[in-house]
């Protein structure tokens, strides 16, 4: 649809994202502690395209255990 509309947007389900463990490792390297910080980071324009803005949706049934686990507050 993004191609048709000329926006270039690609639906999350159609993108190629990093595997969960690699994405989690990258996100943990940022030192973010809260979901709100993640949201702000995704709006900064510095997030790599292969890391999803909505990891809970993309990584559901692929390792997602919640924000604390993703950000590194729990193992």
N, C-alpha and C. Protein backbone atom coordinates (compact mmCIF):
# COMPACT_ATOMS: atom_id res chain seq x y z
N UNK A 1 0.82 -1.19 0.00
CA UNK A 1 0.00 0.00 0.00
C UNK A 1 0.87 1.26 0.00
N UNK A 2 1.98 1.21 0.75
CA UNK A 2 2.88 2.36 0.78
C UNK A 2 3.43 2.69 -0.59
N UNK A 3 3.72 1.66 -1.38
CA UNK A 3 4.20 1.87 -2.73
C UNK A 3 3.11 2.51 -3.59
N UNK A 4 1.90 1.99 -3.46
CA UNK A 4 0.76 2.50 -4.22
C UNK A 4 0.49 3.97 -3.89
N UNK A 5 0.57 4.31 -2.59
CA UNK A 5 0.29 5.67 -2.16
C UNK A 5 1.49 6.60 -2.31
N UNK A 6 2.66 6.02 -2.55
CA UNK A 6 3.86 6.83 -2.71
C UNK A 6 4.51 7.24 -1.40
N UNK A 7 4.09 6.63 -0.28
CA UNK A 7 4.66 6.99 1.02
C UNK A 7 5.92 6.20 1.32
N UNK A 8 6.07 5.03 0.70
CA UNK A 8 7.21 4.17 0.98
C UNK A 8 7.06 3.35 2.25
N UNK A 9 5.97 3.54 2.97
CA UNK A 9 5.74 2.78 4.21
C UNK A 9 5.46 1.32 3.89
N UNK A 10 6.03 0.44 4.72
CA UNK A 10 5.84 -0.99 4.58
C UNK A 10 5.23 -1.50 5.89
N UNK A 11 4.18 -2.27 5.79
CA UNK A 11 3.53 -2.83 6.99
C UNK A 11 4.53 -3.67 7.77
N UNK A 12 4.45 -3.61 9.11
CA UNK A 12 5.37 -4.36 9.98
C UNK A 12 5.43 -5.83 9.61
N UNK A 13 4.30 -6.40 9.28
CA UNK A 13 4.25 -7.83 8.96
C UNK A 13 5.01 -8.16 7.68
N UNK A 14 5.27 -7.16 6.85
CA UNK A 14 5.95 -7.38 5.58
C UNK A 14 7.43 -6.98 5.59
N UNK A 15 7.89 -6.44 6.71
CA UNK A 15 9.29 -6.01 6.80
C UNK A 15 10.18 -7.15 7.25
N UNK A 16 11.45 -7.02 6.94
CA UNK A 16 12.44 -7.97 7.41
C UNK A 16 13.13 -7.41 8.64
N UNK A 17 12.77 -7.92 9.81
CA UNK A 17 13.37 -7.45 11.06
C UNK A 17 14.44 -8.40 11.55
N UNK A 18 15.34 -7.88 12.38
CA UNK A 18 16.34 -8.72 13.02
C UNK A 18 15.64 -9.78 13.86
N UNK A 19 16.29 -10.92 14.04
CA UNK A 19 15.73 -11.91 14.97
C UNK A 19 15.61 -11.29 16.37
N UNK A 20 14.69 -11.80 17.16
CA UNK A 20 14.41 -11.23 18.47
C UNK A 20 15.67 -11.03 19.32
N UNK A 21 16.49 -12.06 19.44
CA UNK A 21 17.66 -11.96 20.32
C UNK A 21 18.62 -10.87 19.87
N UNK A 22 18.79 -10.71 18.58
CA UNK A 22 19.67 -9.66 18.07
C UNK A 22 19.07 -8.27 18.32
N UNK A 23 17.78 -8.15 18.11
CA UNK A 23 17.11 -6.87 18.36
C UNK A 23 17.18 -6.52 19.84
N UNK A 24 16.94 -7.51 20.70
CA UNK A 24 16.99 -7.27 22.15
C UNK A 24 18.40 -6.85 22.57
N UNK A 25 19.41 -7.48 22.03
CA UNK A 25 20.79 -7.12 22.35
C UNK A 25 21.08 -5.68 21.96
N UNK A 26 20.63 -5.28 20.77
CA UNK A 26 20.82 -3.90 20.33
C UNK A 26 20.10 -2.93 21.27
N UNK A 27 18.85 -3.22 21.57
CA UNK A 27 18.06 -2.32 22.41
C UNK A 27 18.67 -2.22 23.81
N UNK A 28 19.12 -3.32 24.36
CA UNK A 28 19.74 -3.28 25.68
C UNK A 28 21.01 -2.43 25.67
N UNK A 29 21.72 -2.39 24.55
CA UNK A 29 22.94 -1.58 24.46
C UNK A 29 22.64 -0.09 24.56
N UNK A 30 21.40 0.29 24.33
CA UNK A 30 21.00 1.70 24.41
C UNK A 30 20.86 2.18 25.85
N UNK A 31 20.68 1.25 26.79
CA UNK A 31 20.55 1.62 28.20
C UNK A 31 19.19 2.20 28.56
N UNK A 32 18.18 1.93 27.77
CA UNK A 32 16.83 2.42 28.08
C UNK A 32 16.25 1.61 29.23
N UNK A 33 15.46 2.26 30.07
CA UNK A 33 14.90 1.56 31.22
C UNK A 33 13.38 1.40 31.18
N UNK A 34 12.72 2.23 30.39
CA UNK A 34 11.25 2.24 30.40
C UNK A 34 10.70 2.25 28.97
N UNK A 35 9.50 1.72 28.83
CA UNK A 35 8.83 1.70 27.53
C UNK A 35 8.75 3.11 26.95
N UNK A 36 8.47 4.09 27.80
CA UNK A 36 8.36 5.48 27.34
C UNK A 36 9.66 5.95 26.69
N UNK A 37 10.79 5.53 27.24
CA UNK A 37 12.07 5.89 26.65
C UNK A 37 12.23 5.24 25.27
N UNK A 38 11.73 4.02 25.14
CA UNK A 38 11.77 3.34 23.84
C UNK A 38 10.93 4.10 22.82
N UNK A 39 9.75 4.51 23.21
CA UNK A 39 8.87 5.26 22.31
C UNK A 39 9.55 6.55 21.86
N UNK A 40 10.15 7.26 22.81
CA UNK A 40 10.86 8.50 22.45
C UNK A 40 12.02 8.20 21.50
N UNK A 41 12.73 7.12 21.76
CA UNK A 41 13.85 6.74 20.89
C UNK A 41 13.36 6.45 19.47
N UNK A 42 12.24 5.74 19.35
CA UNK A 42 11.73 5.41 18.01
C UNK A 42 11.33 6.66 17.23
N UNK A 43 11.03 7.72 17.93
CA UNK A 43 10.65 8.98 17.26
C UNK A 43 11.85 9.86 16.94
N UNK A 44 13.04 9.46 17.42
CA UNK A 44 14.23 10.29 17.25
C UNK A 44 14.81 10.24 15.84
N UNK A 45 14.41 9.23 15.07
CA UNK A 45 14.93 9.09 13.72
C UNK A 45 16.25 8.33 13.65
N UNK A 46 16.71 7.80 14.77
CA UNK A 46 17.98 7.07 14.78
C UNK A 46 17.81 5.55 14.88
N UNK A 47 16.57 5.09 15.04
CA UNK A 47 16.31 3.65 15.15
C UNK A 47 16.59 2.98 13.81
N UNK A 48 17.38 1.89 13.81
CA UNK A 48 17.60 1.16 12.56
C UNK A 48 16.27 0.61 12.01
N UNK A 49 16.17 0.55 10.71
CA UNK A 49 14.93 0.08 10.07
C UNK A 49 14.62 -1.38 10.36
N UNK A 50 15.64 -2.16 10.69
CA UNK A 50 15.39 -3.59 10.94
C UNK A 50 15.10 -3.90 12.41
N UNK A 51 14.84 -2.86 13.20
CA UNK A 51 14.37 -3.01 14.58
C UNK A 51 12.93 -2.47 14.59
N UNK A 52 11.95 -3.28 15.01
CA UNK A 52 10.57 -2.80 14.95
C UNK A 52 10.24 -1.74 15.99
N UNK A 53 9.39 -0.83 15.61
CA UNK A 53 8.89 0.19 16.54
C UNK A 53 7.97 -0.46 17.58
N UNK A 54 7.27 -1.51 17.17
CA UNK A 54 6.34 -2.22 18.05
C UNK A 54 6.81 -3.66 18.27
N UNK A 55 7.86 -3.83 19.08
CA UNK A 55 8.43 -5.17 19.25
C UNK A 55 7.47 -6.18 19.87
N UNK A 56 6.55 -5.75 20.70
CA UNK A 56 5.60 -6.69 21.32
C UNK A 56 4.75 -7.37 20.26
N UNK A 57 4.42 -6.66 19.21
CA UNK A 57 3.62 -7.22 18.13
C UNK A 57 4.46 -8.10 17.21
N UNK A 58 5.60 -7.59 16.81
CA UNK A 58 6.44 -8.29 15.85
C UNK A 58 7.04 -9.57 16.44
N UNK A 59 7.43 -9.51 17.72
CA UNK A 59 8.09 -10.66 18.34
C UNK A 59 7.17 -11.52 19.21
N UNK A 60 5.87 -11.29 19.09
CA UNK A 60 4.92 -12.15 19.80
C UNK A 60 5.16 -13.59 19.34
N UNK A 61 5.26 -14.50 20.28
CA UNK A 61 5.54 -15.92 20.01
C UNK A 61 6.92 -16.15 19.40
N UNK A 62 7.81 -15.16 19.52
CA UNK A 62 9.18 -15.29 18.99
C UNK A 62 10.21 -14.90 20.05
N UNK A 63 9.80 -14.94 21.31
CA UNK A 63 10.72 -14.61 22.39
C UNK A 63 10.27 -13.47 23.28
N UNK A 64 9.25 -12.72 22.85
CA UNK A 64 8.78 -11.57 23.63
C UNK A 64 8.22 -12.02 24.98
N UNK A 65 8.75 -11.41 26.07
CA UNK A 65 8.28 -11.71 27.43
C UNK A 65 7.92 -10.45 28.19
N UNK A 66 7.86 -9.34 27.50
CA UNK A 66 7.50 -8.08 28.15
C UNK A 66 8.62 -7.05 28.05
N UNK A 67 8.27 -5.82 28.41
CA UNK A 67 9.22 -4.71 28.29
C UNK A 67 10.44 -4.87 29.18
N UNK A 68 10.25 -5.34 30.41
CA UNK A 68 11.41 -5.49 31.31
C UNK A 68 12.42 -6.47 30.71
N UNK A 69 11.95 -7.53 30.14
CA UNK A 69 12.83 -8.53 29.51
C UNK A 69 13.50 -7.95 28.26
N UNK A 70 12.77 -7.22 27.47
CA UNK A 70 13.31 -6.64 26.24
C UNK A 70 14.37 -5.57 26.53
N UNK A 71 14.10 -4.74 27.51
CA UNK A 71 15.01 -3.64 27.83
C UNK A 71 16.17 -4.06 28.73
N UNK A 72 16.08 -5.24 29.33
CA UNK A 72 17.18 -5.73 30.13
C UNK A 72 17.03 -5.56 31.63
N UNK A 73 15.83 -5.25 32.09
CA UNK A 73 15.61 -5.11 33.53
C UNK A 73 15.46 -6.47 34.20
N UNK A 74 15.12 -7.50 33.42
CA UNK A 74 15.06 -8.88 33.90
C UNK A 74 15.72 -9.78 32.86
N UNK A 75 16.08 -10.96 33.26
CA UNK A 75 16.74 -11.89 32.31
C UNK A 75 15.77 -12.73 31.58
